[in-house]
């Protein structure tokens, strides 16, 4: 029978997790003391935090522990990259039921390591916390180095700027739609066996939802290329494009055909516009600047306000809202 957190205890669990976590190149003092110490060569650092809670943010029946670790890292790394920074370190707090197998947390740690190694080499876990609750919760704080550059904010877009995206649009929402439609049992609750069948039948959208691969390296590339504004598309293109428009005091006019090309085959264009959790990078660049490789132009910034598609105002909100979209069925 597998060891559980309640049987093993905090100290022994951490002793099994620590060796699986990635080291951070920027760490002077890593896990083991009351706090970590990081190098900040730029004199500044970027910091962001995000929480994944069982129920509104993931279903244990659908996500393998290694995928939870990967996604927890990837979503925070993407926010650092959206500022034009290079991710340097993560602090991870885990709150789990006492009957959670320790092996699950070991797999979750493996996911954190794999994501850092693949998406942000040199970034590692420098500390965190472990506690107990009936609800599995993963909270990650990420740090980044601006390398002497100004941060890329949401508020810098200007009329005439090109609007471009790096990464897929709508694929993660397609995966989530499949899970809710076909990854459930007869009562409508998340079902692990059904999810496994979907992984085989629809591997690409399932992977985009459960273990996304944001274009982390392109954040600093965009900053060096003169990006005037940028953000991580986590709540849906419509919501996030409006955020740049509002912060910058401009309008954004998107090209429907270009969005469809970025979304690719098998993705409903509406999902590309309103679906959440893509973790693409949306950026604006001066009209006379070359858009960096890896970014695709999907529109332009203009005088005015709000979001347009092909010149027509878009009122539909769409996207992800944890308060509006959670149905309470954790599974």
C-alpha atoms as a PDB file:
ATOM      1  CA  UNK A   1       0.000   0.000   0.000  1.00  0.00           C
ATOM      2  CA  UNK A   2       1.324   3.445  -0.910  1.00  0.00           C
ATOM      3  CA  UNK A   3       2.644   5.728   1.833  1.00  0.00           C
ATOM      4  CA  UNK A   4       0.377   8.706   2.496  1.00  0.00           C
ATOM      5  CA  UNK A   5       1.202  12.166   3.791  1.00  0.00           C
ATOM      6  CA  UNK A   6      -0.564  11.412   7.052  1.00  0.00           C
ATOM      7  CA  UNK A   7       1.525   8.283   7.622  1.00  0.00           C
ATOM      8  CA  UNK A   8       4.897   9.655   6.565  1.00  0.00           C
ATOM      9  CA  UNK A   9       4.689  13.203   7.933  1.00  0.00           C
ATOM     10  CA  UNK A  10       6.013  16.514   6.695  1.00  0.00           C
ATOM     11  CA  UNK A  11       9.735  16.042   7.273  1.00  0.00           C
ATOM     12  CA  UNK A  12      10.021  12.665   5.577  1.00  0.00           C
ATOM     13  CA  UNK A  13       7.811  13.823   2.680  1.00  0.00           C
ATOM     14  CA  UNK A  14       9.959  16.875   2.052  1.00  0.00           C
ATOM     15  CA  UNK A  15      13.082  14.710   2.192  1.00  0.00           C
ATOM     16  CA  UNK A  16      11.610  12.671  -0.661  1.00  0.00           C
ATOM     17  CA  UNK A  17      10.486  15.707  -2.672  1.00  0.00           C
ATOM     18  CA  UNK A  18      13.556  17.965  -2.433  1.00  0.00           C
ATOM     19  CA  UNK A  19      15.885  15.768  -4.527  1.00  0.00           C
ATOM     20  CA  UNK A  20      13.336  15.782  -7.367  1.00  0.00           C
ATOM     21  CA  UNK A  21      13.045  19.579  -7.586  1.00  0.00           C
ATOM     22  CA  UNK A  22      15.079  21.636 -10.064  1.00  0.00           C
ATOM     23  CA  UNK A  23      17.966  23.781  -8.823  1.00  0.00           C
ATOM     24  CA  UNK A  24      17.926  27.511  -9.579  1.00  0.00           C
ATOM     25  CA  UNK A  25      21.056  29.020 -11.080  1.00  0.00           C
ATOM     26  CA  UNK A  26      20.242  32.327  -9.366  1.00  0.00           C
ATOM     27  CA  UNK A  27      20.046  30.780  -5.889  1.00  0.00           C
ATOM     28  CA  UNK A  28      22.644  31.686  -3.278  1.00  0.00           C
ATOM     29  CA  UNK A  29      20.679  29.906  -0.547  1.00  0.00           C
ATOM     30  CA  UNK A  30      18.091  27.350  -1.637  1.00  0.00           C
ATOM     31  CA  UNK A  31      15.643  25.111   0.226  1.00  0.00           C
ATOM     32  CA  UNK A  32      16.410  24.234   3.838  1.00  0.00           C
ATOM     33  CA  UNK A  33      16.538  27.595   5.609  1.00  0.00           C
ATOM     34  CA  UNK A  34      13.729  29.933   6.631  1.00  0.00           C
ATOM     35  CA  UNK A  35      13.998  31.756   3.308  1.00  0.00           C
ATOM     36  CA  UNK A  36      15.916  31.548   0.050  1.00  0.00           C
ATOM     37  CA  UNK A  37      18.444  34.094  -1.170  1.00  0.00           C
ATOM     38  CA  UNK A  38      18.576  34.922  -4.880  1.00  0.00           C
ATOM     39  CA  UNK A  39      20.971  36.916  -7.021  1.00  0.00           C
ATOM     40  CA  UNK A  40      19.430  39.979  -8.671  1.00  0.00           C
ATOM     41  CA  UNK A  41      22.116  41.164 -11.128  1.00  0.00           C
ATOM     42  CA  UNK A  42      19.762  43.741 -12.637  1.00  0.00           C
ATOM     43  CA  UNK A  43      19.038  45.289  -9.250  1.00  0.00           C
ATOM     44  CA  UNK A  44      15.333  44.565  -9.807  1.00  0.00           C
ATOM     45  CA  UNK A  45      13.292  41.388 -10.079  1.00  0.00           C
ATOM     46  CA  UNK A  46       9.939  40.443 -11.505  1.00  0.00           C
ATOM     47  CA  UNK A  47       7.604  38.527  -9.181  1.00  0.00           C
ATOM     48  CA  UNK A  48       4.219  36.916  -9.792  1.00  0.00           C
ATOM     49  CA  UNK A  49       2.043  34.338  -8.072  1.00  0.00           C
ATOM     50  CA  UNK A  50      -0.755  31.989  -9.065  1.00  0.00           C
ATOM     51  CA  UNK A  51      -2.856  29.395  -7.273  1.00  0.00           C
ATOM     52  CA  UNK A  52      -4.337  26.169  -8.631  1.00  0.00           C
ATOM     53  CA  UNK A  53      -7.189  24.775  -6.525  1.00  0.00           C
ATOM     54  CA  UNK A  54      -8.833  21.396  -6.972  1.00  0.00           C
ATOM     55  CA  UNK A  55     -12.318  22.100  -8.268  1.00  0.00           C
ATOM     56  CA  UNK A  56     -12.233  25.441 -10.031  1.00  0.00           C
ATOM     57  CA  UNK A  57      -8.766  25.043 -11.578  1.00  0.00           C
ATOM     58  CA  UNK A  58      -8.240  21.317 -12.129  1.00  0.00           C
ATOM     59  CA  UNK A  59      -9.813  17.914 -11.507  1.00  0.00           C
ATOM     60  CA  UNK A  60      -7.717  15.144  -9.984  1.00  0.00           C
ATOM     61  CA  UNK A  61      -9.639  12.636 -12.084  1.00  0.00           C
ATOM     62  CA  UNK A  62      -8.395  14.347 -15.245  1.00  0.00           C
ATOM     63  CA  UNK A  63      -4.884  15.502 -14.345  1.00  0.00           C
ATOM     64  CA  UNK A  64      -1.962  13.276 -13.485  1.00  0.00           C
ATOM     65  CA  UNK A  65       0.206  14.607 -10.643  1.00  0.00           C
ATOM     66  CA  UNK A  66       3.128  15.181 -13.010  1.00  0.00           C
ATOM     67  CA  UNK A  67       0.847  17.302 -15.195  1.00  0.00           C
ATOM     68  CA  UNK A  68      -0.233  19.375 -12.206  1.00  0.00           C
ATOM     69  CA  UNK A  69       3.398  20.148 -11.424  1.00  0.00           C
ATOM     70  CA  UNK A  70       4.128  21.011 -15.043  1.00  0.00           C
ATOM     71  CA  UNK A  71       1.081  23.264 -15.390  1.00  0.00           C
ATOM     72  CA  UNK A  72       1.715  25.016 -12.059  1.00  0.00           C
ATOM     73  CA  UNK A  73       5.213  25.898 -13.236  1.00  0.00           C
ATOM     74  CA  UNK A  74       4.297  26.727 -16.844  1.00  0.00           C
ATOM     75  CA  UNK A  75       1.511  29.160 -16.002  1.00  0.00           C
ATOM     76  CA  UNK A  76       3.756  31.168 -13.688  1.00  0.00           C
ATOM     77  CA  UNK A  77       6.743  31.080 -16.025  1.00  0.00           C
ATOM     78  CA  UNK A  78       4.478  32.516 -18.713  1.00  0.00           C
ATOM     79  CA  UNK A  79       3.573  35.521 -16.556  1.00  0.00           C
ATOM     80  CA  UNK A  80       7.267  36.256 -15.975  1.00  0.00           C
ATOM     81  CA  UNK A  81       7.981  35.954 -19.697  1.00  0.00           C
ATOM     82  CA  UNK A  82       5.104  38.330 -20.475  1.00  0.00           C
ATOM     83  CA  UNK A  83       7.015  41.075 -18.652  1.00  0.00           C
ATOM     84  CA  UNK A  84       9.995  40.464 -20.932  1.00  0.00           C
ATOM     85  CA  UNK A  85      11.937  38.789 -18.120  1.00  0.00           C
ATOM     86  CA  UNK A  86      13.866  35.536 -17.855  1.00  0.00           C
ATOM     87  CA  UNK A  87      12.434  33.211 -15.164  1.00  0.00           C
ATOM     88  CA  UNK A  88      14.938  32.518 -12.391  1.00  0.00           C
ATOM     89  CA  UNK A  89      13.214  30.824  -9.447  1.00  0.00           C
ATOM     90  CA  UNK A  90       9.965  29.384  -8.072  1.00  0.00           C
ATOM     91  CA  UNK A  91       8.612  29.112  -4.531  1.00  0.00           C
ATOM     92  CA  UNK A  92       5.974  26.381  -4.245  1.00  0.00           C
ATOM     93  CA  UNK A  93       3.389  25.864  -1.489  1.00  0.00           C
ATOM     94  CA  UNK A  94       1.420  22.608  -1.484  1.00  0.00           C
ATOM     95  CA  UNK A  95      -1.704  21.980   0.579  1.00  0.00           C
ATOM     96  CA  UNK A  96      -2.929  18.402   0.312  1.00  0.00           C
ATOM     97  CA  UNK A  97      -5.273  15.955   2.073  1.00  0.00           C
ATOM     98  CA  UNK A  98      -3.562  13.687   4.619  1.00  0.00           C
ATOM     99  CA  UNK A  99      -4.464  10.578   2.607  1.00  0.00           C
ATOM    100  CA  UNK A 100      -2.602  11.837  -0.484  1.00  0.00           C
ATOM    101  CA  UNK A 101       0.034   9.278  -1.534  1.00  0.00           C
ATOM    102  CA  UNK A 102       3.533  10.688  -1.130  1.00  0.00           C
ATOM    103  CA  UNK A 103       4.246   9.259  -4.579  1.00  0.00           C
ATOM    104  CA  UNK A 104       1.747  11.758  -6.003  1.00  0.00           C
ATOM    105  CA  UNK A 105       3.743  14.660  -4.570  1.00  0.00           C
ATOM    106  CA  UNK A 106       6.944  13.117  -5.890  1.00  0.00           C
ATOM    107  CA  UNK A 107       5.366  13.031  -9.356  1.00  0.00           C
ATOM    108  CA  UNK A 108       4.178  16.601  -8.937  1.00  0.00           C
ATOM    109  CA  UNK A 109       7.763  17.602  -8.103  1.00  0.00           C
ATOM    110  CA  UNK A 110       8.912  15.775 -11.237  1.00  0.00           C
ATOM    111  CA  UNK A 111       6.467  17.879 -13.237  1.00  0.00           C
ATOM    112  CA  UNK A 112       7.875  21.080 -11.773  1.00  0.00           C
ATOM    113  CA  UNK A 113      11.383  19.969 -12.687  1.00  0.00           C
ATOM    114  CA  UNK A 114      10.475  18.897 -16.213  1.00  0.00           C
ATOM    115  CA  UNK A 115       8.687  22.177 -16.928  1.00  0.00           C
ATOM    116  CA  UNK A 116      11.597  24.274 -15.693  1.00  0.00           C
ATOM    117  CA  UNK A 117      14.127  22.185 -17.616  1.00  0.00           C
ATOM    118  CA  UNK A 118      12.119  22.349 -20.839  1.00  0.00           C
ATOM    119  CA  UNK A 119      10.715  25.887 -20.729  1.00  0.00           C
ATOM    120  CA  UNK A 120      13.149  27.924 -18.614  1.00  0.00           C
ATOM    121  CA  UNK A 121      16.528  26.205 -18.142  1.00  0.00           C
ATOM    122  CA  UNK A 122      18.284  27.526 -15.050  1.00  0.00           C
ATOM    123  CA  UNK A 123      15.033  28.273 -13.244  1.00  0.00           C
ATOM    124  CA  UNK A 124      14.438  26.120 -10.172  1.00  0.00           C
ATOM    125  CA  UNK A 125      12.496  25.722  -6.946  1.00  0.00           C
ATOM    126  CA  UNK A 126      14.165  27.558  -4.062  1.00  0.00           C
ATOM    127  CA  UNK A 127      11.644  26.921  -1.283  1.00  0.00           C
ATOM    128  CA  UNK A 128       8.018  26.697  -0.283  1.00  0.00           C
ATOM    129  CA  UNK A 129       5.668  25.116   2.220  1.00  0.00           C
ATOM    130  CA  UNK A 130       3.706  21.926   2.801  1.00  0.00           C
ATOM    131  CA  UNK A 131       0.436  21.798   4.724  1.00  0.00           C
ATOM    132  CA  UNK A 132      -2.744  19.787   5.050  1.00  0.00           C
ATOM    133  CA  UNK A 133      -6.326  20.445   3.949  1.00  0.00           C
ATOM    134  CA  UNK A 134      -9.201  18.564   2.384  1.00  0.00           C
ATOM    135  CA  UNK A 135      -8.629  20.511  -0.847  1.00  0.00           C
ATOM    136  CA  UNK A 136      -5.478  19.987  -2.908  1.00  0.00           C
ATOM    137  CA  UNK A 137      -4.003  23.417  -3.624  1.00  0.00           C
ATOM    138  CA  UNK A 138      -0.801  24.393  -5.425  1.00  0.00           C
ATOM    139  CA  UNK A 139       0.457  27.956  -5.023  1.00  0.00           C
ATOM    140  CA  UNK A 140       3.511  29.067  -6.985  1.00  0.00           C
ATOM    141  CA  UNK A 141       5.419  32.339  -6.786  1.00  0.00           C
ATOM    142  CA  UNK A 142       7.819  32.964  -9.671  1.00  0.00           C
ATOM    143  CA  UNK A 143      10.724  35.377  -9.998  1.00  0.00           C
ATOM    144  CA  UNK A 144      12.410  36.775 -13.101  1.00  0.00           C
ATOM    145  CA  UNK A 145      15.397  38.811 -14.251  1.00  0.00           C
ATOM    146  CA  UNK A 146      14.857  41.790 -16.587  1.00  0.00           C
ATOM    147  CA  UNK A 147      18.538  41.716 -17.636  1.00  0.00           C
ATOM    148  CA  UNK A 148      18.750  45.495 -17.674  1.00  0.00           C
ATOM    149  CA  UNK A 149      15.686  46.022 -19.864  1.00  0.00           C
ATOM    150  CA  UNK A 150      12.581  48.009 -18.986  1.00  0.00           C
ATOM    151  CA  UNK A 151       9.633  45.733 -18.169  1.00  0.00           C
ATOM    152  CA  UNK A 152       7.075  45.338 -20.936  1.00  0.00           C
ATOM    153  CA  UNK A 153       3.751  46.496 -19.482  1.00  0.00           C
ATOM    154  CA  UNK A 154       0.193  46.298 -20.746  1.00  0.00           C
ATOM    155  CA  UNK A 155      -0.010  50.060 -20.997  1.00  0.00           C
ATOM    156  CA  UNK A 156       2.510  50.845 -23.752  1.00  0.00           C
ATOM    157  CA  UNK A 157       0.595  50.085 -26.955  1.00  0.00           C
ATOM    158  CA  UNK A 158       0.115  52.975 -29.400  1.00  0.00           C
ATOM    159  CA  UNK A 159      -2.169  53.509 -32.401  1.00  0.00           C
ATOM    160  CA  UNK A 160      -0.570  51.948 -35.440  1.00  0.00           C
ATOM    161  CA  UNK A 161       1.222  49.193 -33.519  1.00  0.00           C
ATOM    162  CA  UNK A 162       1.033  45.669 -34.887  1.00  0.00           C
ATOM    163  CA  UNK A 163      -0.720  43.167 -32.609  1.00  0.00           C
ATOM    164  CA  UNK A 164       0.942  39.753 -32.659  1.00  0.00           C
ATOM    165  CA  UNK A 165       0.711  36.454 -30.832  1.00  0.00           C
ATOM    166  CA  UNK A 166       3.133  33.622 -30.101  1.00  0.00           C
ATOM    167  CA  UNK A 167       1.591  30.240 -29.368  1.00  0.00           C
ATOM    168  CA  UNK A 168      -1.654  28.484 -30.232  1.00  0.00           C
ATOM    169  CA  UNK A 169      -5.111  29.919 -29.629  1.00  0.00           C
ATOM    170  CA  UNK A 170      -8.194  27.954 -28.623  1.00  0.00           C
ATOM    171  CA  UNK A 171      -6.552  24.540 -28.327  1.00  0.00           C
ATOM    172  CA  UNK A 172      -6.658  24.442 -24.504  1.00  0.00           C
ATOM    173  CA  UNK A 173     -10.331  25.448 -24.523  1.00  0.00           C
ATOM    174  CA  UNK A 174     -10.996  22.688 -27.040  1.00  0.00           C
ATOM    175  CA  UNK A 175      -9.390  20.203 -24.657  1.00  0.00           C
ATOM    176  CA  UNK A 176     -11.464  21.444 -21.738  1.00  0.00           C
ATOM    177  CA  UNK A 177     -14.652  21.226 -23.780  1.00  0.00           C
ATOM    178  CA  UNK A 178     -13.817  17.615 -24.646  1.00  0.00           C
ATOM    179  CA  UNK A 179     -13.173  16.776 -21.002  1.00  0.00           C
ATOM    180  CA  UNK A 180     -16.488  18.207 -19.850  1.00  0.00           C
ATOM    181  CA  UNK A 181     -18.360  16.545 -22.718  1.00  0.00           C
ATOM    182  CA  UNK A 182     -16.677  13.128 -22.829  1.00  0.00           C
ATOM    183  CA  UNK A 183     -14.384  12.872 -19.805  1.00  0.00           C
ATOM    184  CA  UNK A 184     -17.225  12.288 -17.369  1.00  0.00           C
ATOM    185  CA  UNK A 185     -19.263   9.412 -16.008  1.00  0.00           C
ATOM    186  CA  UNK A 186     -22.998   8.899 -16.376  1.00  0.00           C
ATOM    187  CA  UNK A 187     -23.671  11.399 -13.579  1.00  0.00           C
ATOM    188  CA  UNK A 188     -21.544  14.063 -15.233  1.00  0.00           C
ATOM    189  CA  UNK A 189     -18.628  13.826 -12.802  1.00  0.00           C
ATOM    190  CA  UNK A 190     -14.986  13.825 -13.986  1.00  0.00           C
ATOM    191  CA  UNK A 191     -13.874  10.285 -14.729  1.00  0.00           C
ATOM    192  CA  UNK A 192     -10.235   9.150 -14.941  1.00  0.00           C
ATOM    193  CA  UNK A 193     -10.854   6.266 -17.355  1.00  0.00           C
ATOM    194  CA  UNK A 194     -12.800   8.505 -19.730  1.00  0.00           C
ATOM    195  CA  UNK A 195     -10.019  11.080 -19.602  1.00  0.00           C
ATOM    196  CA  UNK A 196      -7.469   8.410 -20.522  1.00  0.00           C
ATOM    197  CA  UNK A 197      -9.526   7.496 -23.567  1.00  0.00           C
ATOM    198  CA  UNK A 198      -9.598  11.141 -24.595  1.00  0.00           C
ATOM    199  CA  UNK A 199      -5.803  11.376 -24.308  1.00  0.00           C
ATOM    200  CA  UNK A 200      -5.578   8.675 -26.958  1.00  0.00           C
ATOM    201  CA  UNK A 201      -8.298  10.044 -29.200  1.00  0.00           C
ATOM    202  CA  UNK A 202      -7.422  13.760 -28.907  1.00  0.00           C
ATOM    203  CA  UNK A 203      -3.821  14.036 -27.674  1.00  0.00           C
ATOM    204  CA  UNK A 204      -3.097  17.584 -28.835  1.00  0.00           C
ATOM    205  CA  UNK A 205      -6.006  19.491 -27.233  1.00  0.00           C
ATOM    206  CA  UNK A 206      -5.788  17.370 -24.067  1.00  0.00           C
ATOM    207  CA  UNK A 207      -2.099  18.161 -23.727  1.00  0.00           C
ATOM    208  CA  UNK A 208      -2.726  21.866 -24.361  1.00  0.00           C
ATOM    209  CA  UNK A 209      -5.193  21.913 -21.465  1.00  0.00           C
ATOM    210  CA  UNK A 210      -3.455  19.613 -18.985  1.00  0.00           C
ATOM    211  CA  UNK A 211       0.217  20.374 -19.654  1.00  0.00           C
ATOM    212  CA  UNK A 212       0.534  23.586 -21.712  1.00  0.00           C
ATOM    213  CA  UNK A 213       3.794  24.607 -23.384  1.00  0.00           C
ATOM    214  CA  UNK A 214       3.902  28.425 -23.353  1.00  0.00           C
ATOM    215  CA  UNK A 215       6.536  30.160 -25.523  1.00  0.00           C
ATOM    216  CA  UNK A 216       8.553  31.296 -22.486  1.00  0.00           C
ATOM    217  CA  UNK A 217      11.755  32.076 -24.377  1.00  0.00           C
ATOM    218  CA  UNK A 218       9.916  34.470 -26.693  1.00  0.00           C
ATOM    219  CA  UNK A 219       9.071  36.897 -23.864  1.00  0.00           C
ATOM    220  CA  UNK A 220      12.613  38.311 -23.636  1.00  0.00           C
ATOM    221  CA  UNK A 221      12.887  38.063 -27.432  1.00  0.00           C
ATOM    222  CA  UNK A 222       9.822  40.298 -27.770  1.00  0.00           C
ATOM    223  CA  UNK A 223      11.258  42.771 -25.253  1.00  0.00           C
ATOM    224  CA  UNK A 224      14.541  42.966 -27.161  1.00  0.00           C
ATOM    225  CA  UNK A 225      12.522  43.372 -30.368  1.00  0.00           C
ATOM    226  CA  UNK A 226      10.837  46.534 -29.098  1.00  0.00           C
ATOM    227  CA  UNK A 227       7.501  45.230 -27.839  1.00  0.00           C
ATOM    228  CA  UNK A 228       5.443  48.137 -26.550  1.00  0.00           C
ATOM    229  CA  UNK A 229       2.958  46.024 -24.564  1.00  0.00           C
ATOM    230  CA  UNK A 230       2.603  42.337 -23.732  1.00  0.00           C
ATOM    231  CA  UNK A 231       0.682  39.874 -21.585  1.00  0.00           C
ATOM    232  CA  UNK A 232       0.066  36.180 -21.095  1.00  0.00           C
ATOM    233  CA  UNK A 233      -3.161  35.033 -22.760  1.00  0.00           C
ATOM    234  CA  UNK A 234      -4.539  33.055 -19.828  1.00  0.00           C
ATOM    235  CA  UNK A 235      -8.177  34.149 -19.725  1.00  0.00           C
ATOM    236  CA  UNK A 236      -8.886  34.207 -23.470  1.00  0.00           C
ATOM    237  CA  UNK A 237      -7.829  36.417 -26.369  1.00  0.00           C
ATOM    238  CA  UNK A 238     -10.939  38.611 -26.173  1.00  0.00           C
ATOM    239  CA  UNK A 239     -10.486  39.397 -22.470  1.00  0.00           C
ATOM    240  CA  UNK A 240      -6.735  39.818 -22.630  1.00  0.00           C
ATOM    241  CA  UNK A 241      -6.689  41.941 -25.774  1.00  0.00           C
ATOM    242  CA  UNK A 242      -9.222  44.220 -24.071  1.00  0.00           C
ATOM    243  CA  UNK A 243      -6.845  44.476 -21.112  1.00  0.00           C
ATOM    244  CA  UNK A 244      -4.071  45.838 -23.311  1.00  0.00           C
ATOM    245  CA  UNK A 245      -6.527  48.181 -25.037  1.00  0.00           C
ATOM    246  CA  UNK A 246      -7.866  49.491 -21.733  1.00  0.00           C
ATOM    247  CA  UNK A 247      -4.464  49.904 -20.081  1.00  0.00           C
ATOM    248  CA  UNK A 248      -3.023  51.629 -23.167  1.00  0.00           C
ATOM    249  CA  UNK A 249      -6.031  53.831 -23.937  1.00  0.00           C
ATOM    250  CA  UNK A 250      -6.375  52.491 -27.477  1.00  0.00           C
ATOM    251  CA  UNK A 251      -8.551  50.117 -29.488  1.00  0.00           C
ATOM    252  CA  UNK A 252      -7.406  46.743 -30.777  1.00  0.00           C
ATOM    253  CA  UNK A 253      -8.748  45.521 -34.121  1.00  0.00           C
ATOM    254  CA  UNK A 254      -8.154  41.802 -34.672  1.00  0.00           C
ATOM    255  CA  UNK A 255      -8.149  39.962 -38.007  1.00  0.00           C
ATOM    256  CA  UNK A 256     -10.482  36.955 -37.906  1.00  0.00           C
ATOM    257  CA  UNK A 257      -8.672  35.115 -40.707  1.00  0.00           C
ATOM    258  CA  UNK A 258      -5.310  35.553 -38.985  1.00  0.00           C
ATOM    259  CA  UNK A 259      -6.758  34.262 -35.701  1.00  0.00           C
ATOM    260  CA  UNK A 260      -8.104  31.184 -37.493  1.00  0.00           C
ATOM    261  CA  UNK A 261      -4.670  30.505 -38.991  1.00  0.00           C
ATOM    262  CA  UNK A 262      -2.994  30.715 -35.587  1.00  0.00           C
ATOM    263  CA  UNK A 263      -5.657  28.451 -34.067  1.00  0.00           C
ATOM    264  CA  UNK A 264      -5.107  25.828 -36.731  1.00  0.00           C
ATOM    265  CA  UNK A 265      -7.188  22.916 -37.908  1.00  0.00           C
ATOM    266  CA  UNK A 266      -9.699  21.404 -35.523  1.00  0.00           C
ATOM    267  CA  UNK A 267     -10.156  24.551 -33.437  1.00  0.00           C
ATOM    268  CA  UNK A 268     -13.402  26.527 -33.581  1.00  0.00           C
ATOM    269  CA  UNK A 269     -12.526  30.166 -34.371  1.00  0.00           C
ATOM    270  CA  UNK A 270     -14.835  31.231 -31.542  1.00  0.00           C
ATOM    271  CA  UNK A 271     -12.774  29.117 -29.108  1.00  0.00           C
ATOM    272  CA  UNK A 272      -9.666  30.880 -30.407  1.00  0.00           C
ATOM    273  CA  UNK A 273     -11.208  34.227 -29.503  1.00  0.00           C
ATOM    274  CA  UNK A 274     -12.981  33.415 -26.257  1.00  0.00           C
ATOM    275  CA  UNK A 275     -11.329  30.254 -24.913  1.00  0.00           C
ATOM    276  CA  UNK A 276      -9.037  30.538 -21.897  1.00  0.00           C
ATOM    277  CA  UNK A 277      -5.791  28.950 -20.688  1.00  0.00           C
ATOM    278  CA  UNK A 278      -3.871  29.213 -23.959  1.00  0.00           C
ATOM    279  CA  UNK A 279      -0.879  30.843 -22.233  1.00  0.00           C
ATOM    280  CA  UNK A 280       0.193  32.344 -25.532  1.00  0.00           C
ATOM    281  CA  UNK A 281       1.981  35.694 -25.509  1.00  0.00           C
ATOM    282  CA  UNK A 282       0.076  38.659 -26.925  1.00  0.00           C
ATOM    283  CA  UNK A 283       2.275  41.643 -27.773  1.00  0.00           C
ATOM    284  CA  UNK A 284       2.232  44.901 -29.695  1.00  0.00           C
ATOM    285  CA  UNK A 285       5.136  46.159 -31.793  1.00  0.00           C
ATOM    286  CA  UNK A 286       5.776  49.506 -33.511  1.00  0.00           C
ATOM    287  CA  UNK A 287       4.456  49.558 -37.062  1.00  0.00           C
ATOM    288  CA  UNK A 288       7.929  50.149 -38.480  1.00  0.00           C
ATOM    289  CA  UNK A 289       9.579  47.370 -36.445  1.00  0.00           C
ATOM    290  CA  UNK A 290      10.169  43.796 -37.539  1.00  0.00           C
ATOM    291  CA  UNK A 291       7.973  41.391 -35.600  1.00  0.00           C
ATOM    292  CA  UNK A 292      10.258  38.734 -34.059  1.00  0.00           C
ATOM    293  CA  UNK A 293      10.241  35.196 -35.394  1.00  0.00           C
ATOM    294  CA  UNK A 294       7.731  33.101 -33.506  1.00  0.00           C
ATOM    295  CA  UNK A 295       5.129  35.882 -33.399  1.00  0.00           C
ATOM    296  CA  UNK A 296       2.279  36.114 -35.918  1.00  0.00           C
ATOM    297  CA  UNK A 297       0.507  39.411 -36.625  1.00  0.00           C
ATOM    298  CA  UNK A 298      -3.223  39.077 -35.910  1.00  0.00           C
ATOM    299  CA  UNK A 299      -4.344  42.708 -35.844  1.00  0.00           C
ATOM    300  CA  UNK A 300      -3.426  46.294 -35.142  1.00  0.00           C
ATOM    301  CA  UNK A 301      -3.811  48.954 -32.481  1.00  0.00           C
ATOM    302  CA  UNK A 302      -5.893  51.986 -33.400  1.00  0.00           C
ATOM    303  CA  UNK A 303      -7.228  55.178 -31.920  1.00  0.00           C
ATOM    304  CA  UNK A 304     -10.382  54.616 -29.903  1.00  0.00           C
ATOM    305  CA  UNK A 305     -11.314  52.076 -27.245  1.00  0.00           C
ATOM    306  CA  UNK A 306     -12.326  48.479 -26.838  1.00  0.00           C
ATOM    307  CA  UNK A 307     -11.991  45.364 -28.974  1.00  0.00           C
ATOM    308  CA  UNK A 308     -12.919  44.964 -32.615  1.00  0.00           C
ATOM    309  CA  UNK A 309     -12.731  42.063 -35.033  1.00  0.00           C
ATOM    310  CA  UNK A 310     -12.499  42.984 -38.713  1.00  0.00           C
ATOM    311  CA  UNK A 311     -13.513  46.521 -37.799  1.00  0.00           C
ATOM    312  CA  UNK A 312     -16.629  45.557 -35.857  1.00  0.00           C
ATOM    313  CA  UNK A 313     -16.960  46.025 -32.096  1.00  0.00           C
ATOM    314  CA  UNK A 314     -17.020  42.782 -30.115  1.00  0.00           C
ATOM    315  CA  UNK A 315     -19.228  42.781 -27.033  1.00  0.00           C
ATOM    316  CA  UNK A 316     -18.971  39.092 -26.194  1.00  0.00           C
ATOM    317  CA  UNK A 317     -16.798  38.566 -23.143  1.00  0.00           C
ATOM    318  CA  UNK A 318     -15.980  34.865 -23.218  1.00  0.00           C
ATOM    319  CA  UNK A 319     -12.796  33.572 -21.620  1.00  0.00           C
ATOM    320  CA  UNK A 320     -12.162  32.134 -18.174  1.00  0.00           C
ATOM    321  CA  UNK A 321     -13.607  33.557 -14.984  1.00  0.00           C
ATOM    322  CA  UNK A 322     -13.133  31.265 -11.947  1.00  0.00           C
ATOM    323  CA  UNK A 323     -16.162  32.725 -10.176  1.00  0.00           C
ATOM    324  CA  UNK A 324     -18.475  32.450 -13.158  1.00  0.00           C
ATOM    325  CA  UNK A 325     -17.197  29.214 -14.685  1.00  0.00           C
ATOM    326  CA  UNK A 326     -16.830  26.840 -11.735  1.00  0.00           C
ATOM    327  CA  UNK A 327     -19.768  24.468 -11.496  1.00  0.00           C
ATOM    328  CA  UNK A 328     -18.781  23.038  -8.119  1.00  0.00           C
ATOM    329  CA  UNK A 329     -18.259  19.472  -9.342  1.00  0.00           C
ATOM    330  CA  UNK A 330     -14.688  18.810  -8.257  1.00  0.00           C
ATOM    331  CA  UNK A 331     -14.616  15.090  -9.079  1.00  0.00           C
END
